[in-house]
């Protein structure tokens, strides 16, 4: 049960405008955003950064981004945000069923990961989650695959989705109807 209930329509014009600006055209606002708008100044302050993280200016590819986000959310136990991203982006990012299962319950050594770039991202997210840092060995692997701009984006993207996970879990945002659940991708 939500600790902070998501705002329900009808919305004030100001809130409606904010929610519209946060969603693709014609898509109703997700529960997390309807929770955020209960603090409109915070939501306005967050929006440019969130738009950057999900936008075309991010130096990481869509696939890289979604590996980082899905793994970070899974490590944080944030079924809400993980489910939203798997539902909206996994297919577009080229993540197949075994890879989504691995991001949720497995490791970079699972046989579904054949690309070193993918394995490096998963290992980096795991280490950031466990240590809030990267060992020199992991940093060398990351820097061997990614340029400096991508390294910075990777670090901030993982941190941003850790923060989003904290909010979604701490506020107990209700899961989105129809979004996948961790149990839906259990290893066989």
N, C-alpha and C. Protein backbone atom coordinates (compact mmCIF):
# COMPACT_ATOMS: atom_id res chain seq x y z
N UNK A 1 0.84 -1.18 0.00
CA UNK A 1 0.00 0.00 0.00
C UNK A 1 0.89 1.25 0.00
N UNK A 2 0.53 2.19 -0.85
CA UNK A 2 1.32 3.41 -0.99
C UNK A 2 1.37 4.19 0.33
N UNK A 3 2.55 4.67 0.66
CA UNK A 3 2.71 5.56 1.81
C UNK A 3 2.35 6.99 1.43
N UNK A 4 2.61 7.33 0.19
CA UNK A 4 2.21 8.61 -0.38
C UNK A 4 1.39 8.27 -1.61
N UNK A 5 0.09 8.44 -1.51
CA UNK A 5 -0.80 8.06 -2.61
C UNK A 5 -0.55 8.95 -3.82
N UNK A 6 -0.51 8.35 -4.98
CA UNK A 6 -0.36 9.10 -6.22
C UNK A 6 -1.58 9.99 -6.42
N UNK A 7 -1.34 11.18 -6.92
CA UNK A 7 -2.42 12.12 -7.21
C UNK A 7 -3.31 11.54 -8.31
N UNK A 8 -4.59 11.70 -8.16
CA UNK A 8 -5.55 11.22 -9.16
C UNK A 8 -6.22 12.41 -9.83
N UNK A 9 -6.65 12.20 -11.07
CA UNK A 9 -7.40 13.23 -11.79
C UNK A 9 -8.73 13.46 -11.09
N UNK A 10 -9.28 14.62 -11.20
CA UNK A 10 -8.85 15.73 -12.05
C UNK A 10 -7.69 16.49 -11.40
N UNK A 11 -6.81 16.98 -12.26
CA UNK A 11 -5.63 17.72 -11.82
C UNK A 11 -5.85 19.22 -12.03
N UNK A 12 -5.13 20.01 -11.25
CA UNK A 12 -5.10 21.44 -11.54
C UNK A 12 -4.42 21.62 -12.89
N UNK A 13 -4.61 22.76 -13.51
CA UNK A 13 -3.97 23.03 -14.80
C UNK A 13 -2.45 22.92 -14.67
N UNK A 14 -1.92 23.45 -13.58
CA UNK A 14 -0.47 23.43 -13.36
C UNK A 14 0.06 22.00 -13.27
N UNK A 15 -0.63 21.16 -12.52
CA UNK A 15 -0.22 19.76 -12.38
C UNK A 15 -0.42 19.02 -13.69
N UNK A 16 -1.53 19.24 -14.36
CA UNK A 16 -1.79 18.58 -15.64
C UNK A 16 -0.70 18.93 -16.66
N UNK A 17 -0.30 20.20 -16.71
CA UNK A 17 0.76 20.63 -17.62
C UNK A 17 2.07 19.93 -17.29
N UNK A 18 2.39 19.83 -16.00
CA UNK A 18 3.62 19.17 -15.59
C UNK A 18 3.60 17.70 -15.97
N UNK A 19 2.52 17.02 -15.68
CA UNK A 19 2.43 15.59 -16.00
C UNK A 19 2.49 15.35 -17.51
N UNK A 20 1.83 16.20 -18.27
CA UNK A 20 1.86 16.07 -19.73
C UNK A 20 3.28 16.21 -20.25
N UNK A 21 4.03 17.12 -19.65
CA UNK A 21 5.41 17.35 -20.11
C UNK A 21 6.35 16.19 -19.76
N UNK A 22 5.92 15.31 -18.87
CA UNK A 22 6.78 14.21 -18.42
C UNK A 22 6.51 12.90 -19.14
N UNK A 23 5.46 12.85 -19.94
CA UNK A 23 5.05 11.60 -20.57
C UNK A 23 5.01 11.76 -22.09
N UNK A 24 5.21 10.63 -22.82
CA UNK A 24 5.01 10.71 -24.27
C UNK A 24 3.56 11.10 -24.58
N UNK A 25 3.35 11.71 -25.72
CA UNK A 25 2.02 12.16 -26.12
C UNK A 25 1.03 11.00 -26.08
N UNK A 26 -0.11 11.27 -25.43
CA UNK A 26 -1.18 10.30 -25.39
C UNK A 26 -1.04 9.20 -24.35
N UNK A 27 0.06 9.20 -23.61
CA UNK A 27 0.28 8.17 -22.58
C UNK A 27 -0.10 8.77 -21.24
N UNK A 28 -0.97 8.09 -20.49
CA UNK A 28 -1.36 8.64 -19.18
C UNK A 28 -0.17 8.64 -18.22
N UNK A 29 -0.15 9.56 -17.27
CA UNK A 29 0.99 9.67 -16.36
C UNK A 29 1.09 8.45 -15.43
N UNK A 30 2.32 7.98 -15.27
CA UNK A 30 2.57 6.83 -14.39
C UNK A 30 2.46 7.25 -12.93
N UNK A 31 2.28 6.27 -12.08
CA UNK A 31 2.09 6.51 -10.65
C UNK A 31 3.25 7.25 -10.00
N UNK A 32 4.47 6.95 -10.42
CA UNK A 32 5.63 7.63 -9.82
C UNK A 32 5.54 9.14 -10.08
N UNK A 33 5.23 9.52 -11.29
CA UNK A 33 5.13 10.94 -11.62
C UNK A 33 3.95 11.59 -10.90
N UNK A 34 2.86 10.85 -10.76
CA UNK A 34 1.70 11.38 -10.04
C UNK A 34 1.99 11.49 -8.54
N UNK A 35 2.98 10.75 -8.08
CA UNK A 35 3.44 10.90 -6.70
C UNK A 35 4.38 12.10 -6.60
N UNK A 36 5.31 12.20 -7.53
CA UNK A 36 6.25 13.33 -7.54
C UNK A 36 5.53 14.67 -7.50
N UNK A 37 4.44 14.81 -8.28
CA UNK A 37 3.79 16.13 -8.38
C UNK A 37 3.15 16.59 -7.08
N UNK A 38 3.17 15.76 -6.08
CA UNK A 38 2.73 16.22 -4.76
C UNK A 38 3.75 17.20 -4.18
N UNK A 39 4.92 17.26 -4.79
CA UNK A 39 5.93 18.26 -4.49
C UNK A 39 6.34 18.86 -5.83
N UNK A 40 5.55 19.79 -6.30
CA UNK A 40 5.72 20.34 -7.64
C UNK A 40 7.08 21.03 -7.84
N UNK A 41 7.59 21.82 -6.87
CA UNK A 41 8.92 22.40 -7.08
C UNK A 41 10.01 21.33 -7.25
N UNK A 42 9.95 20.25 -6.48
CA UNK A 42 10.91 19.16 -6.62
C UNK A 42 10.79 18.55 -8.01
N UNK A 43 9.56 18.30 -8.45
CA UNK A 43 9.33 17.67 -9.74
C UNK A 43 9.88 18.53 -10.87
N UNK A 44 9.65 19.82 -10.79
CA UNK A 44 10.17 20.73 -11.81
C UNK A 44 11.70 20.72 -11.82
N UNK A 45 12.29 20.67 -10.65
CA UNK A 45 13.76 20.66 -10.56
C UNK A 45 14.35 19.37 -11.12
N UNK A 46 13.67 18.25 -10.91
CA UNK A 46 14.16 16.95 -11.37
C UNK A 46 13.99 16.75 -12.87
N UNK A 47 12.98 17.34 -13.45
CA UNK A 47 12.62 17.01 -14.82
C UNK A 47 13.75 17.19 -15.83
N UNK A 48 14.50 18.27 -15.83
CA UNK A 48 15.57 18.38 -16.84
C UNK A 48 16.60 17.25 -16.73
N UNK A 49 16.95 16.87 -15.51
CA UNK A 49 17.92 15.79 -15.37
C UNK A 49 17.32 14.46 -15.82
N UNK A 50 16.10 14.18 -15.43
CA UNK A 50 15.45 12.95 -15.87
C UNK A 50 15.30 12.90 -17.38
N UNK A 51 15.00 14.04 -17.99
CA UNK A 51 14.89 14.11 -19.45
C UNK A 51 16.24 13.85 -20.10
N UNK A 52 17.30 14.35 -19.50
CA UNK A 52 18.64 14.07 -20.03
C UNK A 52 18.94 12.58 -19.96
N UNK A 53 18.66 11.98 -18.81
CA UNK A 53 18.99 10.56 -18.61
C UNK A 53 18.24 9.66 -19.59
N UNK A 54 17.05 10.07 -20.01
CA UNK A 54 16.26 9.26 -20.94
C UNK A 54 16.29 9.80 -22.37
N UNK A 55 17.06 10.86 -22.59
CA UNK A 55 17.04 11.52 -23.89
C UNK A 55 18.18 11.15 -24.81
N UNK A 56 18.16 11.78 -25.94
CA UNK A 56 19.15 11.49 -26.99
C UNK A 56 20.53 12.09 -26.70
N UNK A 57 20.62 13.03 -25.77
CA UNK A 57 21.92 13.62 -25.45
C UNK A 57 22.78 12.71 -24.58
N UNK A 58 22.19 11.75 -23.90
CA UNK A 58 22.94 10.79 -23.10
C UNK A 58 23.92 10.08 -24.03
N UNK A 59 25.16 9.97 -23.62
CA UNK A 59 26.18 9.37 -24.49
C UNK A 59 26.08 7.85 -24.58
N UNK A 60 25.34 7.23 -23.70
CA UNK A 60 25.16 5.78 -23.74
C UNK A 60 24.03 5.43 -24.71
N UNK A 61 24.13 4.27 -25.32
CA UNK A 61 23.08 3.81 -26.23
C UNK A 61 21.83 3.44 -25.43
N UNK A 62 20.72 3.29 -26.12
CA UNK A 62 19.48 2.86 -25.48
C UNK A 62 19.70 1.52 -24.76
N UNK A 63 20.38 0.59 -25.41
CA UNK A 63 20.66 -0.71 -24.80
C UNK A 63 21.50 -0.54 -23.53
N UNK A 64 22.59 0.21 -23.62
CA UNK A 64 23.44 0.45 -22.44
C UNK A 64 22.61 1.05 -21.31
N UNK A 65 21.85 2.07 -21.65
CA UNK A 65 21.03 2.76 -20.65
C UNK A 65 20.09 1.80 -19.95
N UNK A 66 19.41 0.98 -20.72
CA UNK A 66 18.43 0.08 -20.11
C UNK A 66 19.09 -1.04 -19.32
N UNK A 67 20.24 -1.49 -19.71
CA UNK A 67 20.97 -2.47 -18.89
C UNK A 67 21.30 -1.85 -17.54
N UNK A 68 21.81 -0.63 -17.55
CA UNK A 68 22.16 0.05 -16.30
C UNK A 68 20.91 0.27 -15.44
N UNK A 69 19.85 0.77 -16.04
CA UNK A 69 18.63 1.07 -15.28
C UNK A 69 18.01 -0.22 -14.73
N UNK A 70 17.82 -1.21 -15.59
CA UNK A 70 17.18 -2.45 -15.14
C UNK A 70 17.98 -3.12 -14.04
N UNK A 71 19.29 -3.16 -14.21
CA UNK A 71 20.13 -3.82 -13.20
C UNK A 71 20.13 -3.02 -11.89
N UNK A 72 20.24 -1.71 -11.98
CA UNK A 72 20.22 -0.88 -10.78
C UNK A 72 18.92 -1.06 -10.02
N UNK A 73 17.81 -0.99 -10.73
CA UNK A 73 16.51 -1.14 -10.07
C UNK A 73 16.36 -2.53 -9.46
N UNK A 74 16.82 -3.56 -10.16
CA UNK A 74 16.75 -4.92 -9.61
C UNK A 74 17.63 -5.04 -8.36
N UNK A 75 18.84 -4.50 -8.41
CA UNK A 75 19.73 -4.54 -7.24
C UNK A 75 19.10 -3.84 -6.04
N UNK A 76 18.37 -2.77 -6.30
CA UNK A 76 17.70 -2.00 -5.24
C UNK A 76 16.37 -2.64 -4.81
N UNK A 77 15.97 -3.71 -5.48
CA UNK A 77 14.69 -4.33 -5.17
C UNK A 77 13.50 -3.47 -5.57
N UNK A 78 13.69 -2.59 -6.55
CA UNK A 78 12.63 -1.67 -6.96
C UNK A 78 11.84 -2.25 -8.13
N UNK A 79 10.89 -3.09 -7.79
CA UNK A 79 10.07 -3.74 -8.79
C UNK A 79 9.27 -2.73 -9.61
N UNK A 80 8.86 -1.64 -8.99
CA UNK A 80 8.08 -0.62 -9.69
C UNK A 80 8.85 -0.09 -10.90
N UNK A 81 10.00 0.53 -10.66
CA UNK A 81 10.72 1.19 -11.75
C UNK A 81 11.30 0.17 -12.73
N UNK A 82 11.75 -0.96 -12.22
CA UNK A 82 12.22 -2.03 -13.09
C UNK A 82 11.10 -2.43 -14.05
N UNK A 83 9.89 -2.65 -13.52
CA UNK A 83 8.76 -3.07 -14.35
C UNK A 83 8.40 -2.05 -15.40
N UNK A 84 8.43 -0.77 -15.04
CA UNK A 84 8.13 0.29 -16.01
C UNK A 84 9.14 0.24 -17.15
N UNK A 85 10.41 0.13 -16.81
CA UNK A 85 11.45 0.13 -17.85
C UNK A 85 11.43 -1.13 -18.69
N UNK A 86 11.21 -2.27 -18.07
CA UNK A 86 11.12 -3.51 -18.86
C UNK A 86 9.93 -3.42 -19.82
N UNK A 87 8.80 -2.95 -19.32
CA UNK A 87 7.60 -2.87 -20.16
C UNK A 87 7.78 -1.90 -21.33
N UNK A 88 8.38 -0.75 -21.09
CA UNK A 88 8.46 0.28 -22.12
C UNK A 88 9.69 0.19 -23.01
N UNK A 89 10.80 -0.34 -22.49
CA UNK A 89 12.05 -0.22 -23.22
C UNK A 89 12.80 -1.51 -23.53
N UNK A 90 12.54 -2.59 -22.84
CA UNK A 90 13.38 -3.79 -23.02
C UNK A 90 13.41 -4.25 -24.47
N UNK A 91 12.26 -4.35 -25.08
CA UNK A 91 12.23 -4.82 -26.47
C UNK A 91 12.95 -3.84 -27.40
N UNK A 92 12.69 -2.55 -27.22
CA UNK A 92 13.35 -1.53 -28.06
C UNK A 92 14.86 -1.55 -27.87
N UNK A 93 15.30 -1.91 -26.66
CA UNK A 93 16.73 -1.95 -26.36
C UNK A 93 17.38 -3.26 -26.80
N UNK A 94 16.58 -4.17 -27.35
CA UNK A 94 17.12 -5.45 -27.81
C UNK A 94 17.43 -6.42 -26.68
N UNK A 95 16.75 -6.25 -25.55
CA UNK A 95 16.95 -7.17 -24.42
C UNK A 95 15.93 -8.30 -24.53
N UNK A 96 16.42 -9.53 -24.62
CA UNK A 96 15.51 -10.67 -24.75
C UNK A 96 15.16 -11.23 -23.38
N UNK A 97 14.28 -12.21 -23.35
CA UNK A 97 13.79 -12.79 -22.10
C UNK A 97 14.90 -13.28 -21.17
N UNK A 98 15.84 -14.09 -21.67
CA UNK A 98 16.93 -14.54 -20.79
C UNK A 98 17.77 -13.38 -20.24
N UNK A 99 17.95 -12.33 -21.04
CA UNK A 99 18.73 -11.19 -20.56
C UNK A 99 17.97 -10.41 -19.49
N UNK A 100 16.66 -10.22 -19.66
CA UNK A 100 15.87 -9.55 -18.63
C UNK A 100 15.90 -10.38 -17.34
N UNK A 101 15.77 -11.70 -17.47
CA UNK A 101 15.84 -12.58 -16.30
C UNK A 101 17.20 -12.45 -15.62
N UNK A 102 18.25 -12.43 -16.40
CA UNK A 102 19.61 -12.31 -15.84
C UNK A 102 19.82 -10.96 -15.16
N UNK A 103 19.33 -9.88 -15.79
CA UNK A 103 19.47 -8.56 -15.16
C UNK A 103 18.76 -8.51 -13.82
N UNK A 104 17.73 -9.31 -13.68
CA UNK A 104 16.92 -9.29 -12.48
C UNK A 104 17.42 -10.26 -11.41
N UNK A 105 17.86 -11.42 -11.83
CA UNK A 105 18.19 -12.49 -10.87
C UNK A 105 19.57 -13.10 -11.08
N UNK A 106 20.30 -12.71 -12.12
CA UNK A 106 21.53 -13.40 -12.48
C UNK A 106 22.77 -12.55 -12.33
N UNK A 107 23.71 -12.79 -13.24
CA UNK A 107 24.98 -12.06 -13.20
C UNK A 107 25.54 -11.90 -14.61
N UNK A 108 26.58 -11.12 -14.72
CA UNK A 108 27.23 -10.87 -16.01
C UNK A 108 27.85 -12.13 -16.59
N UNK A 109 28.04 -13.15 -15.79
CA UNK A 109 28.62 -14.40 -16.29
C UNK A 109 27.57 -15.35 -16.86
N UNK A 110 26.30 -14.98 -16.82
CA UNK A 110 25.26 -15.82 -17.41
C UNK A 110 25.51 -15.96 -18.92
N UNK A 111 25.20 -17.12 -19.50
CA UNK A 111 25.51 -17.36 -20.91
C UNK A 111 24.80 -16.44 -21.90
N UNK A 112 23.75 -15.75 -21.48
CA UNK A 112 23.03 -14.85 -22.40
C UNK A 112 23.84 -13.60 -22.73
N UNK A 113 24.90 -13.34 -21.95
CA UNK A 113 25.70 -12.13 -22.18
C UNK A 113 26.93 -12.49 -22.99
N UNK A 114 26.90 -12.22 -24.29
CA UNK A 114 28.02 -12.55 -25.16
C UNK A 114 28.89 -11.33 -25.47
N UNK A 115 28.34 -10.16 -25.27
CA UNK A 115 29.05 -8.91 -25.58
C UNK A 115 29.74 -8.40 -24.32
N UNK A 116 31.04 -8.16 -24.42
CA UNK A 116 31.80 -7.66 -23.27
C UNK A 116 31.25 -6.32 -22.78
N UNK A 117 30.75 -5.51 -23.67
CA UNK A 117 30.18 -4.21 -23.29
C UNK A 117 29.04 -4.41 -22.29
N UNK A 118 28.15 -5.36 -22.58
CA UNK A 118 27.03 -5.66 -21.68
C UNK A 118 27.54 -6.17 -20.33
N UNK A 119 28.51 -7.09 -20.37
CA UNK A 119 29.05 -7.67 -19.12
C UNK A 119 29.71 -6.60 -18.26
N UNK A 120 30.43 -5.70 -18.89
CA UNK A 120 31.09 -4.61 -18.15
C UNK A 120 30.05 -3.74 -17.46
N UNK A 121 28.99 -3.40 -18.16
CA UNK A 121 27.94 -2.57 -17.55
C UNK A 121 27.34 -3.25 -16.32
N UNK A 122 27.02 -4.53 -16.45
CA UNK A 122 26.41 -5.26 -15.33
C UNK A 122 27.37 -5.32 -14.15
N UNK A 123 28.61 -5.67 -14.41
CA UNK A 123 29.59 -5.74 -13.32
C UNK A 123 29.80 -4.38 -12.67
N UNK A 124 29.82 -3.32 -13.48
CA UNK A 124 29.99 -1.97 -12.92
C UNK A 124 28.81 -1.60 -12.03
N UNK A 125 27.59 -1.86 -12.50
CA UNK A 125 26.41 -1.55 -11.70
C UNK A 125 26.44 -2.35 -10.39
N UNK A 126 26.78 -3.62 -10.47
CA UNK A 126 26.83 -4.45 -9.27
C UNK A 126 27.83 -3.89 -8.26
N UNK A 127 28.98 -3.52 -8.75
CA UNK A 127 30.01 -3.00 -7.84
C UNK A 127 29.61 -1.64 -7.27
N UNK A 128 29.03 -0.78 -8.10
CA UNK A 128 28.55 0.50 -7.58
C UNK A 128 27.49 0.28 -6.52
N UNK A 129 26.61 -0.67 -6.74
CA UNK A 129 25.55 -0.95 -5.78
C UNK A 129 26.14 -1.46 -4.46
N UNK A 130 27.09 -2.36 -4.55
CA UNK A 130 27.67 -2.97 -3.35
C UNK A 130 28.64 -2.06 -2.61
N UNK A 131 29.40 -1.25 -3.34
CA UNK A 131 30.49 -0.50 -2.73
C UNK A 131 30.38 1.01 -2.86
N UNK A 132 29.46 1.49 -3.69
CA UNK A 132 29.38 2.92 -4.03
C UNK A 132 30.70 3.41 -4.62
N UNK A 133 31.37 2.51 -5.33
CA UNK A 133 32.67 2.79 -5.91
C UNK A 133 32.98 1.70 -6.92
N UNK A 134 34.00 1.93 -7.72
CA UNK A 134 34.50 0.90 -8.62
C UNK A 134 35.95 0.61 -8.29
N UNK A 135 36.31 -0.65 -8.25
CA UNK A 135 37.70 -1.03 -8.04
C UNK A 135 38.52 -0.56 -9.24
N UNK A 136 39.82 -0.49 -9.07
CA UNK A 136 40.68 -0.11 -10.19
C UNK A 136 40.54 -1.10 -11.35
N UNK A 137 40.38 -2.36 -11.03
CA UNK A 137 40.20 -3.38 -12.07
C UNK A 137 38.91 -3.15 -12.86
N UNK A 138 37.83 -2.90 -12.15
CA UNK A 138 36.56 -2.67 -12.84
C UNK A 138 36.61 -1.37 -13.62
N UNK A 139 37.22 -0.34 -13.04
CA UNK A 139 37.34 0.93 -13.76
C UNK A 139 38.13 0.73 -15.05
N UNK A 140 39.19 -0.05 -15.01
CA UNK A 140 39.99 -0.30 -16.21
C UNK A 140 39.14 -0.99 -17.28
N UNK A 141 38.30 -1.92 -16.87
CA UNK A 141 37.40 -2.59 -17.82
C UNK A 141 36.41 -1.59 -18.41
N UNK A 142 35.81 -0.76 -17.55
CA UNK A 142 34.84 0.23 -18.02
C UNK A 142 35.52 1.20 -18.98
N UNK A 143 36.66 1.75 -18.57
CA UNK A 143 37.37 2.73 -19.39
C UNK A 143 37.93 2.11 -20.67
N UNK A 144 38.11 0.80 -20.68
CA UNK A 144 38.56 0.12 -21.89
C UNK A 144 37.47 -0.02 -22.94
N UNK A 145 36.24 0.12 -22.53
CA UNK A 145 35.10 -0.03 -23.44
C UNK A 145 34.42 1.31 -23.73
N UNK A 146 34.40 2.18 -22.74
CA UNK A 146 33.66 3.44 -22.84
C UNK A 146 34.59 4.64 -22.77
N UNK A 147 34.20 5.71 -23.46
CA UNK A 147 34.93 6.96 -23.37
C UNK A 147 34.59 7.68 -22.07
N UNK A 148 35.29 8.77 -21.82
CA UNK A 148 35.09 9.50 -20.56
C UNK A 148 33.67 10.01 -20.39
N UNK A 149 33.07 10.54 -21.45
CA UNK A 149 31.69 11.03 -21.34
C UNK A 149 30.75 9.88 -20.98
N UNK A 150 30.94 8.73 -21.62
CA UNK A 150 30.10 7.57 -21.31
C UNK A 150 30.32 7.08 -19.88
N UNK A 151 31.56 7.13 -19.42
CA UNK A 151 31.85 6.72 -18.03
C UNK A 151 31.10 7.61 -17.05
N UNK A 152 31.12 8.91 -17.30
CA UNK A 152 30.40 9.82 -16.42
C UNK A 152 28.91 9.57 -16.47
N UNK A 153 28.38 9.37 -17.68
CA UNK A 153 26.96 9.07 -17.80
C UNK A 153 26.60 7.77 -17.10
N UNK A 154 27.43 6.76 -17.21
CA UNK A 154 27.18 5.49 -16.54
C UNK A 154 27.09 5.69 -15.03
N UNK A 155 28.05 6.39 -14.45
CA UNK A 155 28.07 6.61 -13.00
C UNK A 155 26.83 7.37 -12.53
N UNK A 156 26.49 8.44 -13.24
CA UNK A 156 25.34 9.24 -12.83
C UNK A 156 24.02 8.55 -13.11
N UNK A 157 23.94 7.79 -14.19
CA UNK A 157 22.72 7.06 -14.49
C UNK A 157 22.42 6.03 -13.40
N UNK A 158 23.43 5.28 -13.00
CA UNK A 158 23.24 4.29 -11.93
C UNK A 158 22.84 4.99 -10.63
N UNK A 159 23.47 6.11 -10.33
CA UNK A 159 23.13 6.85 -9.11
C UNK A 159 21.73 7.43 -9.16
N UNK A 160 21.34 7.96 -10.33
CA UNK A 160 20.01 8.53 -10.49
C UNK A 160 18.94 7.46 -10.26
N UNK A 161 19.14 6.30 -10.85
CA UNK A 161 18.12 5.25 -10.69
C UNK A 161 18.18 4.59 -9.32
N UNK A 162 19.27 4.72 -8.64
CA UNK A 162 19.27 4.30 -7.24
C UNK A 162 18.39 5.27 -6.44
N UNK A 163 18.51 6.56 -6.72
CA UNK A 163 17.67 7.55 -6.05
C UNK A 163 16.20 7.34 -6.40
N UNK A 164 15.91 7.12 -7.67
CA UNK A 164 14.52 6.86 -8.08
C UNK A 164 14.00 5.62 -7.37
N UNK A 165 14.83 4.60 -7.26
CA UNK A 165 14.44 3.36 -6.56
C UNK A 165 14.14 3.64 -5.10
N UNK A 166 14.93 4.48 -4.48
CA UNK A 166 14.68 4.84 -3.07
C UNK A 166 13.30 5.47 -2.92
N UNK A 167 12.97 6.40 -3.82
CA UNK A 167 11.68 7.09 -3.73
C UNK A 167 10.54 6.11 -3.98
N UNK A 168 10.64 5.34 -5.05
CA UNK A 168 9.55 4.42 -5.40
C UNK A 168 9.32 3.39 -4.30
N UNK A 169 10.42 2.89 -3.73
CA UNK A 169 10.28 1.89 -2.66
C UNK A 169 9.86 2.54 -1.35
N UNK A 170 10.52 3.62 -0.98
CA UNK A 170 10.23 4.26 0.29
C UNK A 170 8.82 4.82 0.38
N UNK A 171 8.32 5.35 -0.74
CA UNK A 171 6.96 5.88 -0.78
C UNK A 171 5.94 4.77 -1.06
N UNK A 172 6.45 3.57 -1.38
CA UNK A 172 5.59 2.42 -1.70
C UNK A 172 4.64 2.74 -2.85
N UNK A 173 5.22 3.30 -3.92
CA UNK A 173 4.42 3.62 -5.10
C UNK A 173 3.79 2.32 -5.60
N UNK A 174 2.48 2.36 -5.84
CA UNK A 174 1.76 1.18 -6.32
C UNK A 174 2.31 0.75 -7.68
N UNK A 175 2.45 -0.55 -7.87
CA UNK A 175 2.95 -1.08 -9.13
C UNK A 175 2.01 -0.71 -10.28
N UNK A 176 2.59 -0.48 -11.44
CA UNK A 176 1.80 -0.11 -12.62
C UNK A 176 1.00 -1.32 -13.11
N UNK A 177 -0.27 -1.13 -13.40
CA UNK A 177 -1.06 -2.24 -13.96
C UNK A 177 -0.44 -2.74 -15.26
N UNK A 178 -0.31 -4.03 -15.39
CA UNK A 178 0.21 -4.63 -16.61
C UNK A 178 1.71 -4.66 -16.73
N UNK A 179 2.43 -3.96 -15.86
CA UNK A 179 3.90 -3.99 -15.92
C UNK A 179 4.37 -5.34 -15.38
N UNK A 180 5.49 -5.85 -15.89
CA UNK A 180 5.99 -7.13 -15.38
C UNK A 180 6.42 -7.04 -13.92
N UNK A 181 6.47 -8.17 -13.29
CA UNK A 181 6.91 -8.30 -11.89
C UNK A 181 8.17 -9.15 -11.87
N UNK A 182 8.95 -9.02 -10.81
CA UNK A 182 10.16 -9.84 -10.67
C UNK A 182 9.83 -11.33 -10.84
N UNK A 183 8.72 -11.76 -10.28
CA UNK A 183 8.34 -13.18 -10.35
C UNK A 183 8.07 -13.63 -11.78
N UNK A 184 7.73 -12.70 -12.66
CA UNK A 184 7.45 -13.04 -14.05
C UNK A 184 8.69 -13.49 -14.80
N UNK A 185 9.85 -13.17 -14.27
CA UNK A 185 11.11 -13.49 -14.97
C UNK A 185 12.04 -14.34 -14.10
N UNK A 186 11.46 -15.19 -13.29
CA UNK A 186 12.26 -16.09 -12.45
C UNK A 186 13.06 -17.05 -13.32
N UNK A 187 14.29 -17.34 -12.94
CA UNK A 187 15.07 -18.35 -13.68
C UNK A 187 14.40 -19.72 -13.60
N UNK A 188 14.55 -20.48 -14.64
CA UNK A 188 13.95 -21.81 -14.66
C UNK A 188 14.89 -22.85 -14.13
